[in-house]
Amino acid sequence: MKAIKKTEIIKFLPKVVSTQDIFDTELLIRIEKDGGKIKEIPAKVNEIRPSVSLIYKRIPRTIKSLIKLRVIFYKESLKTKNL
């Protein structure tokens, strides 16, 4: 579960490239890298519905997405450095 201020979503949503499993993760990373505050609040959750996707299919897809995101962040960092 995540709660994000609307102003942060509006600011960073155009920059988010992930569209599937790690969309929310990328959004949080972008907010944090920009100096935004992230606060964790413990919550107890009991999931009663079945999973939408099978875990063994999701793991490779998520790893691939994380690698792709790392490359994107690396390329973005090159654009901001004074060379």
N, C-alpha and C. Protein backbone atom coordinates (compact mmCIF):
# COMPACT_ATOMS: atom_id res chain seq x y z
N MET A 1 0.84 -1.17 0.00
CA MET A 1 0.00 0.00 0.00
C MET A 1 0.89 1.23 0.00
N LYS A 2 0.48 2.20 -0.77
CA LYS A 2 1.24 3.44 -0.82
C LYS A 2 0.29 4.62 -0.88
N ALA A 3 0.65 5.68 -0.20
CA ALA A 3 -0.10 6.93 -0.26
C ALA A 3 0.89 8.01 -0.67
N ILE A 4 0.57 8.70 -1.75
CA ILE A 4 1.48 9.70 -2.28
C ILE A 4 0.70 10.99 -2.50
N LYS A 5 1.32 12.12 -2.14
CA LYS A 5 0.67 13.41 -2.33
C LYS A 5 0.43 13.66 -3.82
N LYS A 6 -0.70 14.22 -4.12
CA LYS A 6 -1.08 14.49 -5.52
C LYS A 6 -0.05 15.39 -6.20
N THR A 7 0.50 16.36 -5.47
CA THR A 7 1.48 17.27 -6.07
C THR A 7 2.73 16.51 -6.52
N GLU A 8 3.14 15.49 -5.74
CA GLU A 8 4.30 14.68 -6.12
C GLU A 8 3.99 13.83 -7.35
N ILE A 9 2.79 13.29 -7.40
CA ILE A 9 2.39 12.48 -8.55
C ILE A 9 2.39 13.32 -9.82
N ILE A 10 1.80 14.50 -9.74
CA ILE A 10 1.74 15.39 -10.90
C ILE A 10 3.14 15.77 -11.37
N LYS A 11 4.04 16.00 -10.41
CA LYS A 11 5.40 16.42 -10.74
C LYS A 11 6.20 15.32 -11.43
N PHE A 12 6.05 14.07 -10.97
CA PHE A 12 6.92 13.00 -11.45
C PHE A 12 6.28 12.04 -12.44
N LEU A 13 4.99 12.02 -12.54
CA LEU A 13 4.31 11.07 -13.42
C LEU A 13 4.79 11.14 -14.87
N PRO A 14 5.01 12.34 -15.42
CA PRO A 14 5.49 12.38 -16.82
C PRO A 14 6.86 11.73 -17.02
N LYS A 15 7.65 11.61 -15.96
CA LYS A 15 8.99 11.04 -16.08
C LYS A 15 9.01 9.52 -15.93
N VAL A 16 7.94 8.94 -15.40
CA VAL A 16 7.89 7.50 -15.15
C VAL A 16 7.77 6.74 -16.46
N VAL A 17 8.65 5.75 -16.66
CA VAL A 17 8.63 4.97 -17.89
C VAL A 17 8.09 3.55 -17.67
N SER A 18 8.13 3.09 -16.44
CA SER A 18 7.64 1.74 -16.13
C SER A 18 6.12 1.72 -16.19
N THR A 19 5.58 0.68 -16.80
CA THR A 19 4.13 0.61 -16.95
C THR A 19 3.51 -0.61 -16.30
N GLN A 20 4.33 -1.49 -15.75
CA GLN A 20 3.75 -2.73 -15.26
C GLN A 20 4.10 -2.95 -13.79
N ASP A 21 4.91 -3.91 -13.48
CA ASP A 21 5.16 -4.35 -12.11
C ASP A 21 5.82 -3.31 -11.21
N ILE A 22 6.70 -2.48 -11.74
CA ILE A 22 7.47 -1.60 -10.87
C ILE A 22 7.12 -0.12 -11.04
N PHE A 23 5.94 0.16 -11.55
CA PHE A 23 5.51 1.54 -11.73
C PHE A 23 5.61 2.33 -10.42
N ASP A 24 5.03 1.79 -9.36
CA ASP A 24 5.03 2.49 -8.07
C ASP A 24 6.43 2.59 -7.49
N THR A 25 7.25 1.58 -7.71
CA THR A 25 8.63 1.61 -7.23
C THR A 25 9.40 2.73 -7.90
N GLU A 26 9.27 2.85 -9.21
CA GLU A 26 9.96 3.91 -9.94
C GLU A 26 9.49 5.28 -9.46
N LEU A 27 8.20 5.43 -9.28
CA LEU A 27 7.66 6.72 -8.81
C LEU A 27 8.27 7.10 -7.46
N LEU A 28 8.33 6.15 -6.54
CA LEU A 28 8.92 6.42 -5.22
C LEU A 28 10.42 6.73 -5.33
N ILE A 29 11.14 6.02 -6.19
CA ILE A 29 12.57 6.29 -6.36
C ILE A 29 12.78 7.70 -6.89
N ARG A 30 11.98 8.08 -7.87
CA ARG A 30 12.12 9.43 -8.44
C ARG A 30 11.82 10.51 -7.40
N ILE A 31 10.82 10.30 -6.60
CA ILE A 31 10.47 11.27 -5.55
C ILE A 31 11.62 11.37 -4.55
N GLU A 32 12.15 10.22 -4.12
CA GLU A 32 13.23 10.22 -3.14
C GLU A 32 14.51 10.83 -3.69
N LYS A 33 14.85 10.53 -4.95
CA LYS A 33 16.06 11.09 -5.56
C LYS A 33 15.99 12.61 -5.67
N ASP A 34 14.77 13.14 -5.76
CA ASP A 34 14.58 14.59 -5.86
C ASP A 34 14.54 15.25 -4.47
N GLY A 35 14.70 14.46 -3.44
CA GLY A 35 14.71 15.02 -2.09
C GLY A 35 13.37 14.98 -1.38
N GLY A 36 12.40 14.33 -2.00
CA GLY A 36 11.09 14.20 -1.37
C GLY A 36 11.14 13.29 -0.16
N LYS A 37 10.23 13.50 0.76
CA LYS A 37 10.20 12.70 1.97
C LYS A 37 9.35 11.45 1.77
N ILE A 38 9.86 10.34 2.26
CA ILE A 38 9.12 9.09 2.23
C ILE A 38 9.01 8.61 3.67
N LYS A 39 7.81 8.33 4.08
CA LYS A 39 7.57 7.90 5.45
C LYS A 39 6.92 6.53 5.42
N GLU A 40 7.48 5.61 6.16
CA GLU A 40 6.94 4.25 6.23
C GLU A 40 6.06 4.13 7.47
N ILE A 41 4.88 3.62 7.27
CA ILE A 41 3.94 3.41 8.37
C ILE A 41 3.57 1.93 8.38
N PRO A 42 3.85 1.22 9.47
CA PRO A 42 3.53 -0.21 9.52
C PRO A 42 2.03 -0.46 9.40
N ALA A 43 1.69 -1.49 8.67
CA ALA A 43 0.29 -1.87 8.52
C ALA A 43 0.22 -3.39 8.43
N LYS A 44 -0.81 -3.95 9.04
CA LYS A 44 -1.02 -5.38 8.97
C LYS A 44 -2.10 -5.64 7.92
N VAL A 45 -1.75 -6.46 6.93
CA VAL A 45 -2.66 -6.72 5.82
C VAL A 45 -2.88 -8.22 5.71
N ASN A 46 -4.12 -8.61 5.54
CA ASN A 46 -4.46 -10.01 5.31
C ASN A 46 -5.11 -10.11 3.94
N GLU A 47 -4.34 -10.56 2.95
CA GLU A 47 -4.83 -10.65 1.57
C GLU A 47 -5.77 -11.85 1.46
N ILE A 48 -6.97 -11.60 0.99
CA ILE A 48 -7.96 -12.68 0.88
C ILE A 48 -8.27 -13.07 -0.56
N ARG A 49 -7.85 -12.27 -1.49
CA ARG A 49 -8.11 -12.60 -2.90
C ARG A 49 -6.89 -13.29 -3.50
N PRO A 50 -7.09 -14.09 -4.53
CA PRO A 50 -5.95 -14.77 -5.15
C PRO A 50 -5.09 -13.77 -5.93
N SER A 51 -3.82 -14.12 -6.10
CA SER A 51 -2.90 -13.27 -6.84
C SER A 51 -3.33 -13.16 -8.30
N VAL A 52 -3.12 -11.97 -8.87
CA VAL A 52 -3.48 -11.73 -10.27
C VAL A 52 -2.50 -12.43 -11.21
N SER A 53 -1.21 -12.46 -10.83
CA SER A 53 -0.21 -13.09 -11.68
C SER A 53 0.55 -14.14 -10.89
N LEU A 54 1.04 -15.14 -11.60
CA LEU A 54 1.81 -16.20 -10.96
C LEU A 54 3.21 -15.70 -10.65
N ILE A 55 3.69 -16.01 -9.46
CA ILE A 55 4.98 -15.50 -8.99
C ILE A 55 6.13 -15.92 -9.89
N TYR A 56 6.11 -17.15 -10.38
CA TYR A 56 7.23 -17.60 -11.21
C TYR A 56 7.26 -16.91 -12.58
N LYS A 57 6.15 -16.33 -12.99
CA LYS A 57 6.14 -15.54 -14.23
C LYS A 57 6.51 -14.09 -13.95
N ARG A 58 6.21 -13.63 -12.75
CA ARG A 58 6.44 -12.23 -12.41
C ARG A 58 7.90 -11.94 -12.08
N ILE A 59 8.59 -12.88 -11.46
CA ILE A 59 9.98 -12.64 -11.04
C ILE A 59 10.89 -12.27 -12.22
N PRO A 60 10.96 -13.05 -13.29
CA PRO A 60 11.84 -12.67 -14.41
C PRO A 60 11.45 -11.32 -15.04
N ARG A 61 10.15 -11.09 -15.14
CA ARG A 61 9.66 -9.83 -15.71
C ARG A 61 10.09 -8.65 -14.84
N THR A 62 10.01 -8.81 -13.53
CA THR A 62 10.38 -7.74 -12.61
C THR A 62 11.89 -7.49 -12.64
N ILE A 63 12.69 -8.55 -12.67
CA ILE A 63 14.14 -8.39 -12.75
C ILE A 63 14.52 -7.65 -14.02
N LYS A 64 13.92 -8.03 -15.12
CA LYS A 64 14.18 -7.36 -16.40
C LYS A 64 13.81 -5.88 -16.32
N SER A 65 12.67 -5.59 -15.70
CA SER A 65 12.23 -4.20 -15.55
C SER A 65 13.17 -3.40 -14.66
N LEU A 66 13.69 -4.01 -13.60
CA LEU A 66 14.62 -3.32 -12.71
C LEU A 66 15.94 -3.01 -13.42
N ILE A 67 16.42 -3.93 -14.24
CA ILE A 67 17.64 -3.69 -15.00
C ILE A 67 17.41 -2.56 -16.00
N LYS A 68 16.29 -2.59 -16.67
CA LYS A 68 15.95 -1.54 -17.63
C LYS A 68 15.87 -0.18 -16.92
N LEU A 69 15.27 -0.16 -15.74
CA LEU A 69 15.14 1.08 -14.98
C LEU A 69 16.51 1.59 -14.55
N ARG A 70 17.40 0.69 -14.16
CA ARG A 70 18.75 1.10 -13.76
C ARG A 70 19.48 1.74 -14.92
N VAL A 71 19.33 1.19 -16.11
CA VAL A 71 19.96 1.77 -17.31
C VAL A 71 19.38 3.16 -17.58
N ILE A 72 18.08 3.31 -17.44
CA ILE A 72 17.44 4.61 -17.65
C ILE A 72 17.97 5.64 -16.66
N PHE A 73 18.06 5.27 -15.38
CA PHE A 73 18.59 6.20 -14.37
C PHE A 73 20.05 6.55 -14.66
N TYR A 74 20.82 5.58 -15.13
CA TYR A 74 22.21 5.85 -15.47
C TYR A 74 22.30 6.86 -16.62
N LYS A 75 21.50 6.66 -17.66
CA LYS A 75 21.51 7.58 -18.80
C LYS A 75 21.06 8.98 -18.38
N GLU A 76 20.07 9.04 -17.50
CA GLU A 76 19.60 10.34 -17.00
C GLU A 76 20.71 11.04 -16.19
N SER A 77 21.48 10.26 -15.44
CA SER A 77 22.55 10.87 -14.65
C SER A 77 23.64 11.44 -15.54
N LEU A 78 23.87 10.82 -16.70
CA LEU A 78 24.88 11.34 -17.62
C LEU A 78 24.45 12.68 -18.21
N LYS A 79 23.16 12.86 -18.38
CA LYS A 79 22.66 14.11 -18.94
C LYS A 79 22.82 15.29 -17.97
N THR A 80 22.86 15.00 -16.67
CA THR A 80 22.91 16.07 -15.68
C THR A 80 24.33 16.41 -15.23
N LYS A 81 25.31 15.57 -15.57
CA LYS A 81 26.68 15.85 -15.15
C LYS A 81 27.32 16.88 -16.07
N ASN A 82 28.15 17.72 -15.50
CA ASN A 82 28.91 18.69 -16.30
C ASN A 82 30.17 18.01 -16.79
N LEU A 83 30.20 17.73 -18.08
CA LEU A 83 31.36 17.04 -18.65
C LEU A 83 32.30 18.00 -19.30
